Amino acid sequence: MIDEKGILFVLSGPSGVGKGTVRKSLFDRATDLKYSISMTTRSIREGEKEGTDYFYKTKQEFEDLIKKNRLLEYAEYVGNYYGTPRDYVEETLDHGKDVFLEIEVQGALQVKENFPQGVFIFLFPPSLEELKNRIINRGTESEELVKNRLIAAKTEIEMMDAYDYVVVNDEIETAVQKIQSIVQSEHCKRERVAKQYKKALEADFS
């Protein structure tokens, strides 16, 4: 095996672009990617499992992790904290497994600040009109909320320069194939394999 450590892949984009659908389709295929498990302070729900759905913490435990910089990103929503634990990600990467994180744009920028060696993929809508239609078709958003989401989406799209790759989510299967290609190409980068090749060259063949 040439790669010693795994790679953190971060998928994000504006609300309504289809991040969850693309991620689910990606993981429905045979993949060695490990999905990043989030941490939360909300109560465990019936049918959920510790370490499978979330890592469940008290508010004090979560805030201690914030102070110790043990979260790659976090946010507070409806009185509960949600975040990505650094230890889980780093331990998984150290075991040679790639980690995949699907997250909102603001969270992705936090991850980039705390873990710049990750690979950041921006999922882009075919057009703002298509994005608007997708949000409306959910049937869960008021007209005012749709408008606010589109305003936020324009701001988030302007942050695209912080990403390494852009994938247009026009057809789900095509988007998934492109993400798979990104994963493969990242493992073929010279800087990722050079260390192992150098080790091989240092071997004693006498």
N, C-alpha and C. Protein backbone atom coordinates (compact mmCIF):
# COMPACT_ATOMS: atom_id res chain seq x y z
N MET A 1 0.85 -1.21 0.00
CA MET A 1 0.00 0.00 0.00
C MET A 1 0.88 1.25 0.00
N ILE A 2 0.64 2.14 -0.96
CA ILE A 2 1.47 3.33 -1.08
C ILE A 2 1.04 4.41 -0.10
N ASP A 3 -0.27 4.62 0.03
CA ASP A 3 -0.75 5.68 0.92
C ASP A 3 -0.70 5.21 2.37
N GLU A 4 -0.06 5.98 3.23
CA GLU A 4 -0.03 5.64 4.65
C GLU A 4 -1.26 6.15 5.37
N LYS A 5 -1.59 7.42 5.13
CA LYS A 5 -2.73 8.03 5.80
C LYS A 5 -3.88 8.21 4.83
N GLY A 6 -5.09 8.26 5.42
CA GLY A 6 -6.25 8.54 4.61
C GLY A 6 -6.36 10.02 4.32
N ILE A 7 -7.35 10.39 3.53
CA ILE A 7 -7.58 11.77 3.12
C ILE A 7 -8.96 12.20 3.59
N LEU A 8 -9.08 13.41 4.09
CA LEU A 8 -10.38 13.98 4.46
C LEU A 8 -10.97 14.68 3.26
N PHE A 9 -12.14 14.23 2.81
CA PHE A 9 -12.86 14.87 1.71
C PHE A 9 -14.08 15.59 2.28
N VAL A 10 -14.23 16.85 1.93
CA VAL A 10 -15.33 17.67 2.46
C VAL A 10 -16.21 18.12 1.30
N LEU A 11 -17.47 17.71 1.34
CA LEU A 11 -18.44 18.11 0.32
C LEU A 11 -19.38 19.14 0.91
N SER A 12 -19.49 20.28 0.25
CA SER A 12 -20.46 21.28 0.72
C SER A 12 -20.97 22.10 -0.45
N GLY A 13 -21.93 22.95 -0.15
CA GLY A 13 -22.55 23.77 -1.17
C GLY A 13 -23.80 24.40 -0.57
N PRO A 14 -24.48 25.24 -1.31
CA PRO A 14 -25.66 25.93 -0.76
C PRO A 14 -26.80 24.98 -0.45
N SER A 15 -27.68 25.39 0.44
CA SER A 15 -28.85 24.62 0.80
C SER A 15 -29.70 24.37 -0.44
N GLY A 16 -30.14 23.12 -0.62
CA GLY A 16 -30.99 22.78 -1.76
C GLY A 16 -30.23 22.26 -2.95
N VAL A 17 -28.89 22.26 -2.89
CA VAL A 17 -28.10 21.83 -4.05
C VAL A 17 -28.08 20.32 -4.19
N GLY A 18 -28.43 19.59 -3.11
CA GLY A 18 -28.49 18.14 -3.21
C GLY A 18 -27.33 17.40 -2.58
N LYS A 19 -26.71 18.02 -1.58
CA LYS A 19 -25.55 17.39 -0.92
C LYS A 19 -25.88 16.02 -0.35
N GLY A 20 -26.99 15.95 0.39
CA GLY A 20 -27.37 14.70 1.03
C GLY A 20 -27.68 13.61 0.02
N THR A 21 -28.37 13.96 -1.05
CA THR A 21 -28.72 12.99 -2.09
C THR A 21 -27.47 12.44 -2.78
N VAL A 22 -26.53 13.34 -3.09
CA VAL A 22 -25.28 12.92 -3.74
C VAL A 22 -24.47 12.04 -2.79
N ARG A 23 -24.38 12.45 -1.54
CA ARG A 23 -23.61 11.66 -0.56
C ARG A 23 -24.22 10.28 -0.39
N LYS A 24 -25.55 10.19 -0.31
CA LYS A 24 -26.21 8.89 -0.15
C LYS A 24 -25.94 8.01 -1.36
N SER A 25 -26.03 8.58 -2.56
CA SER A 25 -25.78 7.82 -3.77
C SER A 25 -24.34 7.34 -3.82
N LEU A 26 -23.42 8.18 -3.37
CA LEU A 26 -22.00 7.81 -3.33
C LEU A 26 -21.79 6.62 -2.40
N PHE A 27 -22.41 6.66 -1.23
CA PHE A 27 -22.21 5.61 -0.23
C PHE A 27 -23.04 4.36 -0.53
N ASP A 28 -24.02 4.46 -1.44
CA ASP A 28 -24.75 3.28 -1.87
C ASP A 28 -23.90 2.41 -2.78
N ARG A 29 -22.86 2.99 -3.33
CA ARG A 29 -21.92 2.24 -4.16
C ARG A 29 -20.87 1.60 -3.26
N ALA A 30 -20.12 0.67 -3.82
CA ALA A 30 -19.01 0.08 -3.07
C ALA A 30 -17.97 1.16 -2.87
N THR A 31 -17.69 1.51 -1.63
CA THR A 31 -16.74 2.57 -1.36
C THR A 31 -15.99 2.28 -0.07
N ASP A 32 -14.74 2.70 -0.03
CA ASP A 32 -13.93 2.55 1.18
C ASP A 32 -14.00 3.80 2.04
N LEU A 33 -14.77 4.79 1.60
CA LEU A 33 -14.88 6.03 2.36
C LEU A 33 -15.59 5.79 3.69
N LYS A 34 -15.14 6.46 4.73
CA LYS A 34 -15.80 6.41 6.03
C LYS A 34 -16.53 7.72 6.24
N TYR A 35 -17.83 7.65 6.54
CA TYR A 35 -18.61 8.86 6.74
C TYR A 35 -18.30 9.46 8.11
N SER A 36 -18.04 10.74 8.13
CA SER A 36 -17.71 11.42 9.39
C SER A 36 -18.94 11.48 10.29
N ILE A 37 -18.82 10.95 11.49
CA ILE A 37 -19.91 10.96 12.46
C ILE A 37 -19.86 12.25 13.27
N SER A 38 -20.97 12.95 13.30
CA SER A 38 -21.03 14.23 14.02
C SER A 38 -21.26 14.02 15.51
N MET A 39 -21.03 15.09 16.25
CA MET A 39 -21.24 15.10 17.70
C MET A 39 -22.35 16.09 18.01
N THR A 40 -23.18 15.77 19.01
CA THR A 40 -24.28 16.67 19.35
C THR A 40 -24.57 16.64 20.85
N THR A 41 -25.22 17.70 21.32
CA THR A 41 -25.66 17.74 22.71
C THR A 41 -27.15 17.42 22.83
N ARG A 42 -27.82 17.20 21.70
CA ARG A 42 -29.25 16.87 21.81
C ARG A 42 -29.40 15.44 22.32
N SER A 43 -30.57 15.14 22.87
CA SER A 43 -30.82 13.82 23.44
C SER A 43 -30.86 12.75 22.35
N ILE A 44 -30.42 11.57 22.71
CA ILE A 44 -30.48 10.45 21.77
C ILE A 44 -31.93 10.08 21.54
N ARG A 45 -32.30 9.82 20.29
CA ARG A 45 -33.67 9.48 19.94
C ARG A 45 -33.84 7.97 19.81
N GLU A 46 -35.07 7.53 19.90
CA GLU A 46 -35.35 6.10 19.79
C GLU A 46 -34.84 5.56 18.46
N GLY A 47 -34.11 4.46 18.53
CA GLY A 47 -33.57 3.84 17.32
C GLY A 47 -32.18 4.31 16.96
N GLU A 48 -31.71 5.40 17.58
CA GLU A 48 -30.36 5.89 17.31
C GLU A 48 -29.33 5.16 18.17
N LYS A 49 -28.09 5.13 17.68
CA LYS A 49 -27.02 4.45 18.41
C LYS A 49 -25.82 5.37 18.56
N GLU A 50 -25.23 5.34 19.74
CA GLU A 50 -24.00 6.08 20.02
C GLU A 50 -22.89 5.59 19.09
N GLY A 51 -22.21 6.54 18.43
CA GLY A 51 -21.11 6.18 17.56
C GLY A 51 -21.53 5.73 16.17
N THR A 52 -22.85 5.67 15.94
CA THR A 52 -23.36 5.33 14.61
C THR A 52 -24.11 6.52 14.01
N ASP A 53 -25.07 7.05 14.77
CA ASP A 53 -25.81 8.23 14.31
C ASP A 53 -25.09 9.51 14.71
N TYR A 54 -24.71 9.58 15.98
CA TYR A 54 -23.97 10.72 16.53
C TYR A 54 -23.10 10.23 17.67
N PHE A 55 -22.17 11.09 18.07
CA PHE A 55 -21.52 10.96 19.37
C PHE A 55 -22.28 11.93 20.28
N TYR A 56 -22.87 11.43 21.35
CA TYR A 56 -23.72 12.25 22.22
C TYR A 56 -22.91 12.76 23.42
N LYS A 57 -22.95 14.08 23.63
CA LYS A 57 -22.21 14.70 24.73
C LYS A 57 -23.12 15.65 25.51
N THR A 58 -22.73 15.92 26.75
CA THR A 58 -23.43 16.97 27.50
C THR A 58 -22.94 18.32 26.98
N LYS A 59 -23.67 19.35 27.33
CA LYS A 59 -23.27 20.69 26.90
C LYS A 59 -21.90 21.05 27.46
N GLN A 60 -21.64 20.66 28.73
CA GLN A 60 -20.35 20.95 29.35
C GLN A 60 -19.22 20.21 28.64
N GLU A 61 -19.45 18.95 28.31
CA GLU A 61 -18.43 18.16 27.59
C GLU A 61 -18.13 18.79 26.23
N PHE A 62 -19.19 19.21 25.54
CA PHE A 62 -19.03 19.81 24.22
C PHE A 62 -18.23 21.11 24.31
N GLU A 63 -18.58 21.95 25.28
CA GLU A 63 -17.89 23.23 25.43
C GLU A 63 -16.43 23.04 25.85
N ASP A 64 -16.14 21.98 26.60
CA ASP A 64 -14.76 21.67 26.94
C ASP A 64 -13.97 21.31 25.67
N LEU A 65 -14.60 20.58 24.76
CA LEU A 65 -13.95 20.22 23.50
C LEU A 65 -13.70 21.46 22.64
N ILE A 66 -14.63 22.41 22.67
CA ILE A 66 -14.44 23.67 21.94
C ILE A 66 -13.20 24.39 22.47
N LYS A 67 -13.09 24.48 23.80
CA LYS A 67 -11.96 25.18 24.42
C LYS A 67 -10.64 24.50 24.09
N LYS A 68 -10.67 23.17 23.97
CA LYS A 68 -9.44 22.40 23.70
C LYS A 68 -9.15 22.27 22.20
N ASN A 69 -9.99 22.91 21.36
CA ASN A 69 -9.84 22.86 19.90
C ASN A 69 -9.89 21.42 19.39
N ARG A 70 -10.82 20.62 19.94
CA ARG A 70 -10.96 19.23 19.52
C ARG A 70 -12.12 19.05 18.55
N LEU A 71 -12.61 20.15 17.97
CA LEU A 71 -13.66 20.08 16.96
C LEU A 71 -13.17 20.76 15.70
N LEU A 72 -13.38 20.12 14.56
CA LEU A 72 -13.00 20.73 13.29
C LEU A 72 -13.96 21.85 12.90
N GLU A 73 -15.19 21.73 13.37
CA GLU A 73 -16.20 22.78 13.16
C GLU A 73 -17.33 22.51 14.12
N TYR A 74 -18.10 23.55 14.41
CA TYR A 74 -19.29 23.37 15.24
C TYR A 74 -20.24 24.54 15.04
N ALA A 75 -21.49 24.31 15.42
CA ALA A 75 -22.50 25.36 15.36
C ALA A 75 -23.55 25.05 16.42
N GLU A 76 -24.31 26.06 16.80
CA GLU A 76 -25.40 25.89 17.75
C GLU A 76 -26.71 26.08 17.02
N TYR A 77 -27.62 25.13 17.17
CA TYR A 77 -28.90 25.18 16.47
C TYR A 77 -30.02 24.75 17.42
N VAL A 78 -31.00 25.64 17.60
CA VAL A 78 -32.16 25.39 18.47
C VAL A 78 -31.71 24.89 19.85
N GLY A 79 -30.72 25.56 20.40
CA GLY A 79 -30.29 25.28 21.76
C GLY A 79 -29.36 24.10 21.93
N ASN A 80 -29.00 23.42 20.83
CA ASN A 80 -28.08 22.29 20.91
C ASN A 80 -26.86 22.53 20.03
N TYR A 81 -25.73 21.99 20.47
CA TYR A 81 -24.51 22.06 19.68
C TYR A 81 -24.43 20.87 18.72
N TYR A 82 -23.85 21.13 17.56
CA TYR A 82 -23.53 20.08 16.59
C TYR A 82 -22.11 20.36 16.09
N GLY A 83 -21.32 19.31 15.88
CA GLY A 83 -19.97 19.56 15.41
C GLY A 83 -19.29 18.30 14.90
N THR A 84 -18.10 18.49 14.34
CA THR A 84 -17.30 17.38 13.81
C THR A 84 -16.10 17.15 14.72
N PRO A 85 -16.05 16.00 15.40
CA PRO A 85 -14.96 15.74 16.33
C PRO A 85 -13.63 15.48 15.62
N ARG A 86 -12.61 16.21 16.01
CA ARG A 86 -11.28 16.08 15.42
C ARG A 86 -10.70 14.68 15.67
N ASP A 87 -10.88 14.15 16.89
CA ASP A 87 -10.25 12.88 17.24
C ASP A 87 -10.73 11.75 16.34
N TYR A 88 -12.04 11.66 16.10
CA TYR A 88 -12.57 10.59 15.25
C TYR A 88 -11.98 10.69 13.85
N VAL A 89 -11.95 11.90 13.30
CA VAL A 89 -11.42 12.09 11.95
C VAL A 89 -9.95 11.71 11.88
N GLU A 90 -9.15 12.23 12.81
CA GLU A 90 -7.71 11.98 12.78
C GLU A 90 -7.37 10.50 13.01
N GLU A 91 -8.08 9.86 13.93
CA GLU A 91 -7.83 8.44 14.19
C GLU A 91 -8.17 7.58 12.97
N THR A 92 -9.26 7.92 12.30
CA THR A 92 -9.66 7.17 11.10
C THR A 92 -8.65 7.37 9.98
N LEU A 93 -8.19 8.61 9.80
CA LEU A 93 -7.17 8.89 8.78
C LEU A 93 -5.87 8.17 9.10
N ASP A 94 -5.50 8.14 10.37
CA ASP A 94 -4.26 7.47 10.79
C ASP A 94 -4.30 5.97 10.50
N HIS A 95 -5.50 5.40 10.43
CA HIS A 95 -5.64 3.98 10.11
C HIS A 95 -5.69 3.76 8.59
N GLY A 96 -5.39 4.79 7.83
CA GLY A 96 -5.33 4.66 6.38
C GLY A 96 -6.67 4.73 5.68
N LYS A 97 -7.73 5.16 6.38
CA LYS A 97 -9.07 5.24 5.80
C LYS A 97 -9.40 6.68 5.42
N ASP A 98 -10.01 6.85 4.26
CA ASP A 98 -10.49 8.17 3.85
C ASP A 98 -11.76 8.51 4.61
N VAL A 99 -11.90 9.77 4.99
CA VAL A 99 -13.10 10.24 5.70
C VAL A 99 -13.84 11.21 4.79
N PHE A 100 -15.17 11.08 4.76
CA PHE A 100 -16.02 11.94 3.92
C PHE A 100 -16.96 12.73 4.81
N LEU A 101 -16.95 14.02 4.64
CA LEU A 101 -17.77 14.93 5.44
C LEU A 101 -18.68 15.74 4.53
N GLU A 102 -19.98 15.67 4.79
CA GLU A 102 -20.97 16.47 4.05
C GLU A 102 -21.48 17.55 4.99
N ILE A 103 -21.34 18.82 4.57
CA ILE A 103 -21.57 19.90 5.54
C ILE A 103 -21.94 21.19 4.83
N GLU A 104 -22.52 22.13 5.59
CA GLU A 104 -22.85 23.44 5.02
C GLU A 104 -21.57 24.25 4.79
N VAL A 105 -21.69 25.30 3.99
CA VAL A 105 -20.52 26.08 3.58
C VAL A 105 -19.78 26.69 4.76
N GLN A 106 -20.51 27.29 5.70
CA GLN A 106 -19.84 27.92 6.84
C GLN A 106 -19.04 26.90 7.64
N GLY A 107 -19.61 25.72 7.81
CA GLY A 107 -18.90 24.67 8.53
C GLY A 107 -17.67 24.21 7.77
N ALA A 108 -17.78 24.11 6.44
CA ALA A 108 -16.64 23.68 5.62
C ALA A 108 -15.49 24.67 5.74
N LEU A 109 -15.80 25.96 5.81
CA LEU A 109 -14.74 26.97 5.94
C LEU A 109 -14.06 26.87 7.30
N GLN A 110 -14.84 26.48 8.33
CA GLN A 110 -14.23 26.24 9.64
C GLN A 110 -13.27 25.05 9.57
N VAL A 111 -13.71 23.98 8.88
CA VAL A 111 -12.87 22.79 8.73
C VAL A 111 -11.58 23.16 7.99
N LYS A 112 -11.70 23.96 6.94
CA LYS A 112 -10.53 24.35 6.16
C LYS A 112 -9.52 25.11 7.01
N GLU A 113 -10.04 25.93 7.92
CA GLU A 113 -9.16 26.69 8.82
C GLU A 113 -8.46 25.76 9.80
N ASN A 114 -9.17 24.74 10.28
CA ASN A 114 -8.62 23.83 11.28
C ASN A 114 -7.91 22.62 10.70
N PHE A 115 -8.21 22.30 9.44
CA PHE A 115 -7.63 21.11 8.81
C PHE A 115 -7.40 21.41 7.32
N PRO A 116 -6.45 22.31 7.01
CA PRO A 116 -6.27 22.77 5.64
C PRO A 116 -5.80 21.69 4.66
N GLN A 117 -5.27 20.57 5.19
CA GLN A 117 -4.81 19.50 4.31
C GLN A 117 -5.94 18.66 3.73
N GLY A 118 -7.19 18.97 4.12
CA GLY A 118 -8.34 18.27 3.55
C GLY A 118 -8.55 18.66 2.10
N VAL A 119 -9.41 17.90 1.42
CA VAL A 119 -9.76 18.17 0.02
C VAL A 119 -11.20 18.66 0.01
N PHE A 120 -11.41 19.87 -0.52
CA PHE A 120 -12.71 20.54 -0.40
C PHE A 120 -13.41 20.60 -1.76
N ILE A 121 -14.62 20.04 -1.80
CA ILE A 121 -15.40 19.93 -3.03
C ILE A 121 -16.67 20.75 -2.90
N PHE A 122 -16.88 21.65 -3.83
CA PHE A 122 -18.08 22.51 -3.82
C PHE A 122 -19.09 21.95 -4.80
N LEU A 123 -20.27 21.62 -4.30
CA LEU A 123 -21.35 21.12 -5.15
C LEU A 123 -22.15 22.30 -5.65
N PHE A 124 -22.18 22.46 -6.96
CA PHE A 124 -22.72 23.66 -7.59
C PHE A 124 -24.04 23.34 -8.30
N PRO A 125 -25.06 24.19 -8.17
CA PRO A 125 -26.31 23.94 -8.89
C PRO A 125 -26.16 24.26 -10.37
N PRO A 126 -26.94 23.60 -11.24
CA PRO A 126 -26.88 23.91 -12.68
C PRO A 126 -27.16 25.39 -12.96
N SER A 127 -28.03 25.98 -12.14
CA SER A 127 -28.37 27.40 -12.25
C SER A 127 -29.09 27.80 -10.97
N LEU A 128 -29.16 29.10 -10.71
CA LEU A 128 -29.90 29.58 -9.54
C LEU A 128 -31.40 29.31 -9.70
N GLU A 129 -31.87 29.31 -10.93
CA GLU A 129 -33.29 29.02 -11.18
C GLU A 129 -33.60 27.57 -10.80
N GLU A 130 -32.67 26.67 -11.16
CA GLU A 130 -32.85 25.26 -10.81
C GLU A 130 -32.77 25.08 -9.29
N LEU A 131 -31.85 25.82 -8.65
CA LEU A 131 -31.74 25.75 -7.19
C LEU A 131 -33.04 26.21 -6.54
N LYS A 132 -33.61 27.29 -7.06
CA LYS A 132 -34.88 27.80 -6.55
C LYS A 132 -35.98 26.75 -6.68
N ASN A 133 -36.03 26.08 -7.83
CA ASN A 133 -37.05 25.06 -8.07
C ASN A 133 -36.90 23.89 -7.09
N ARG A 134 -35.65 23.51 -6.83
CA ARG A 134 -35.41 22.38 -5.92
C ARG A 134 -35.87 22.74 -4.50
N ILE A 135 -35.61 23.96 -4.08
CA ILE A 135 -36.04 24.37 -2.73
C ILE A 135 -37.56 24.43 -2.65
N ILE A 136 -38.19 24.97 -3.70
CA ILE A 136 -39.66 25.07 -3.73
C ILE A 136 -40.29 23.66 -3.72
N ASN A 137 -39.69 22.75 -4.49
CA ASN A 137 -40.25 21.40 -4.62
C ASN A 137 -40.17 20.59 -3.34
N ARG A 138 -39.35 21.05 -2.39
CA ARG A 138 -39.35 20.37 -1.09
C ARG A 138 -40.73 20.46 -0.42
N GLY A 139 -41.41 21.60 -0.69
CA GLY A 139 -42.72 21.81 -0.13
C GLY A 139 -42.73 22.13 1.35
N THR A 140 -41.55 22.47 1.88
CA THR A 140 -41.46 22.74 3.33
C THR A 140 -41.06 24.18 3.62
N GLU A 141 -40.85 24.97 2.57
CA GLU A 141 -40.34 26.32 2.77
C GLU A 141 -41.39 27.36 2.38
N SER A 142 -41.53 28.41 3.18
CA SER A 142 -42.40 29.53 2.82
C SER A 142 -41.72 30.34 1.72
N GLU A 143 -42.52 31.19 1.07
CA GLU A 143 -41.98 32.02 -0.02
C GLU A 143 -40.84 32.92 0.50
N GLU A 144 -41.01 33.44 1.71
CA GLU A 144 -39.99 34.30 2.31
C GLU A 144 -38.71 33.51 2.60
N LEU A 145 -38.87 32.28 3.08
CA LEU A 145 -37.70 31.46 3.40
C LEU A 145 -36.97 31.05 2.13
N VAL A 146 -37.71 30.76 1.06
CA VAL A 146 -37.08 30.44 -0.23
C VAL A 146 -36.22 31.62 -0.69
N LYS A 147 -36.77 32.82 -0.57
CA LYS A 147 -36.04 34.02 -0.97
C LYS A 147 -34.77 34.19 -0.14
N ASN A 148 -34.89 33.98 1.18
CA ASN A 148 -33.72 34.12 2.05
C ASN A 148 -32.66 33.07 1.74
N ARG A 149 -33.10 31.84 1.42
CA ARG A 149 -32.15 30.78 1.08
C ARG A 149 -31.40 31.10 -0.20
N LEU A 150 -32.09 31.71 -1.16
CA LEU A 150 -31.44 32.07 -2.43
C LEU A 150 -30.43 33.20 -2.23
N ILE A 151 -30.77 34.15 -1.37
CA ILE A 151 -29.83 35.22 -1.05
C ILE A 151 -28.59 34.64 -0.39
N ALA A 152 -28.82 33.70 0.56
CA ALA A 152 -27.70 33.06 1.23
C ALA A 152 -26.88 32.24 0.24
N ALA A 153 -27.55 31.58 -0.71
CA ALA A 153 -26.86 30.74 -1.70
C ALA A 153 -25.91 31.59 -2.55
N LYS A 154 -26.35 32.78 -2.94
CA LYS A 154 -25.48 33.66 -3.74
C LYS A 154 -24.22 34.01 -2.97
N THR A 155 -24.37 34.28 -1.66
CA THR A 155 -23.21 34.59 -0.82
C THR A 155 -22.29 33.38 -0.71
N GLU A 156 -22.89 32.19 -0.55
CA GLU A 156 -22.08 30.97 -0.42
C GLU A 156 -21.36 30.63 -1.71
N ILE A 157 -21.99 30.86 -2.84
CA ILE A 157 -21.35 30.59 -4.13
C ILE A 157 -20.12 31.48 -4.32
N GLU A 158 -20.18 32.69 -3.77
CA GLU A 158 -19.03 33.59 -3.85
C GLU A 158 -17.83 33.06 -3.05
N MET A 159 -18.07 32.11 -2.15
CA MET A 159 -17.00 31.52 -1.35
C MET A 159 -16.34 30.33 -2.05
N MET A 160 -16.73 30.07 -3.27
CA MET A 160 -16.26 28.91 -4.02
C MET A 160 -14.74 28.89 -4.19
N ASP A 161 -14.13 30.07 -4.18
CA ASP A 161 -12.67 30.15 -4.36
C ASP A 161 -11.90 29.44 -3.26
N ALA A 162 -12.55 29.16 -2.12
CA ALA A 162 -11.87 28.49 -1.01
C ALA A 162 -11.78 26.98 -1.23
N TYR A 163 -12.39 26.47 -2.30
CA TYR A 163 -12.47 25.03 -2.54
C TYR A 163 -11.44 24.57 -3.57
N ASP A 164 -11.17 23.27 -3.54
CA ASP A 164 -10.21 22.68 -4.48
C ASP A 164 -10.88 22.24 -5.77
N TYR A 165 -12.13 21.79 -5.68
CA TYR A 165 -12.86 21.28 -6.84
C TYR A 165 -14.28 21.81 -6.83
N VAL A 166 -14.87 21.88 -8.04
CA VAL A 166 -16.28 22.24 -8.18
C VAL A 166 -16.95 21.15 -9.02
N VAL A 167 -18.06 20.62 -8.51
CA VAL A 167 -18.83 19.60 -9.22
C VAL A 167 -20.24 20.14 -9.41
N VAL A 168 -20.70 20.20 -10.66
CA VAL A 168 -22.06 20.66 -10.95
C VAL A 168 -23.01 19.49 -10.76
N ASN A 169 -24.01 19.68 -9.91
CA ASN A 169 -24.98 18.61 -9.65
C ASN A 169 -26.17 18.76 -10.59
N ASP A 170 -25.94 18.39 -11.85
CA ASP A 170 -27.00 18.38 -12.85
C ASP A 170 -27.67 17.01 -12.85
N GLU A 171 -26.86 15.97 -13.03
CA GLU A 171 -27.32 14.59 -12.92
C GLU A 171 -26.59 13.95 -11.74
N ILE A 172 -27.33 13.31 -10.85
CA ILE A 172 -26.74 12.76 -9.62
C ILE A 172 -25.63 11.77 -9.93
N GLU A 173 -25.88 10.85 -10.86
CA GLU A 173 -24.88 9.82 -11.18
C GLU A 173 -23.60 10.43 -11.73
N THR A 174 -23.74 11.45 -12.56
CA THR A 174 -22.56 12.12 -13.10
C THR A 174 -21.78 12.82 -12.01
N ALA A 175 -22.50 13.48 -11.09
CA ALA A 175 -21.84 14.16 -9.97
C ALA A 175 -21.09 13.16 -9.10
N VAL A 176 -21.71 12.01 -8.84
CA VAL A 176 -21.06 10.97 -8.02
C VAL A 176 -19.81 10.45 -8.71
N GLN A 177 -19.90 10.21 -10.01
CA GLN A 177 -18.74 9.73 -10.76
C GLN A 177 -17.58 10.72 -10.70
N LYS A 178 -17.90 12.00 -10.76
CA LYS A 178 -16.86 13.02 -10.69
C LYS A 178 -16.20 13.04 -9.31
N ILE A 179 -17.00 12.87 -8.26
CA ILE A 179 -16.44 12.84 -6.91
C ILE A 179 -15.55 11.61 -6.74
N GLN A 180 -15.97 10.47 -7.29
CA GLN A 180 -15.13 9.27 -7.25
C GLN A 180 -13.81 9.49 -7.98
N SER A 181 -13.87 10.22 -9.08
CA SER A 181 -12.65 10.52 -9.84
C SER A 181 -11.72 11.43 -9.04
N ILE A 182 -12.31 12.37 -8.30
CA ILE A 182 -11.51 13.26 -7.45
C ILE A 182 -10.79 12.45 -6.38
N VAL A 183 -11.51 11.52 -5.76
CA VAL A 183 -10.91 10.67 -4.73
C VAL A 183 -9.73 9.90 -5.30
N GLN A 184 -9.92 9.31 -6.47
CA GLN A 184 -8.85 8.53 -7.10
C GLN A 184 -7.66 9.39 -7.47
N SER A 185 -7.93 10.57 -8.04
CA SER A 185 -6.83 11.43 -8.47
C SER A 185 -6.04 11.97 -7.29
N GLU A 186 -6.72 12.23 -6.17
CA GLU A 186 -6.01 12.73 -4.99
C GLU A 186 -5.02 11.69 -4.47
N HIS A 187 -5.37 10.42 -4.57
CA HIS A 187 -4.46 9.36 -4.12
C HIS A 187 -3.28 9.17 -5.06
N CYS A 188 -3.39 9.72 -6.26
CA CYS A 188 -2.30 9.60 -7.24
C CYS A 188 -1.39 10.82 -7.25
N LYS A 189 -1.66 11.82 -6.42
CA LYS A 189 -0.83 13.01 -6.40
C LYS A 189 0.59 12.68 -5.96
N ARG A 190 1.54 13.28 -6.65
CA ARG A 190 2.95 12.99 -6.37
C ARG A 190 3.32 13.19 -4.92
N GLU A 191 2.86 14.30 -4.32
CA GLU A 191 3.27 14.59 -2.95
C GLU A 191 2.74 13.57 -1.95
N ARG A 192 1.62 12.88 -2.34
CA ARG A 192 1.06 11.89 -1.42
C ARG A 192 1.82 10.57 -1.46
N VAL A 193 2.41 10.26 -2.61
CA VAL A 193 3.09 8.97 -2.76
C VAL A 193 4.60 9.08 -2.68
N ALA A 194 5.14 10.30 -2.78
CA ALA A 194 6.60 10.46 -2.81
C ALA A 194 7.28 9.88 -1.59
N LYS A 195 6.67 10.09 -0.42
CA LYS A 195 7.28 9.60 0.82
C LYS A 195 7.46 8.09 0.79
N GLN A 196 6.46 7.37 0.30
CA GLN A 196 6.53 5.92 0.26
C GLN A 196 7.52 5.43 -0.80
N TYR A 197 7.57 6.13 -1.93
CA TYR A 197 8.54 5.75 -2.96
C TYR A 197 9.96 5.94 -2.44
N LYS A 198 10.18 7.01 -1.69
CA LYS A 198 11.50 7.27 -1.14
C LYS A 198 11.90 6.17 -0.17
N LYS A 199 10.93 5.70 0.62
CA LYS A 199 11.20 4.60 1.54
C LYS A 199 11.62 3.35 0.77
N ALA A 200 10.92 3.11 -0.36
CA ALA A 200 11.23 1.92 -1.17
C ALA A 200 12.64 2.03 -1.74
N LEU A 201 13.03 3.24 -2.16
CA LEU A 201 14.36 3.43 -2.73
C LEU A 201 15.46 3.28 -1.69
N GLU A 202 15.11 3.50 -0.43
CA GLU A 202 16.09 3.39 0.64
C GLU A 202 16.30 1.95 1.09
N ALA A 203 15.47 1.04 0.57
CA ALA A 203 15.58 -0.37 0.98
C ALA A 203 16.92 -0.95 0.56
N ASP A 204 17.44 -1.86 1.36
CA ASP A 204 18.72 -2.49 1.09
C ASP A 204 18.49 -3.72 0.22
N PHE A 205 18.93 -3.66 -1.04
CA PHE A 205 18.71 -4.76 -1.98
C PHE A 205 19.95 -5.66 -2.10
N SER A 206 20.97 -5.37 -1.27
CA SER A 206 22.20 -6.17 -1.37
C SER A 206 22.05 -7.54 -0.75
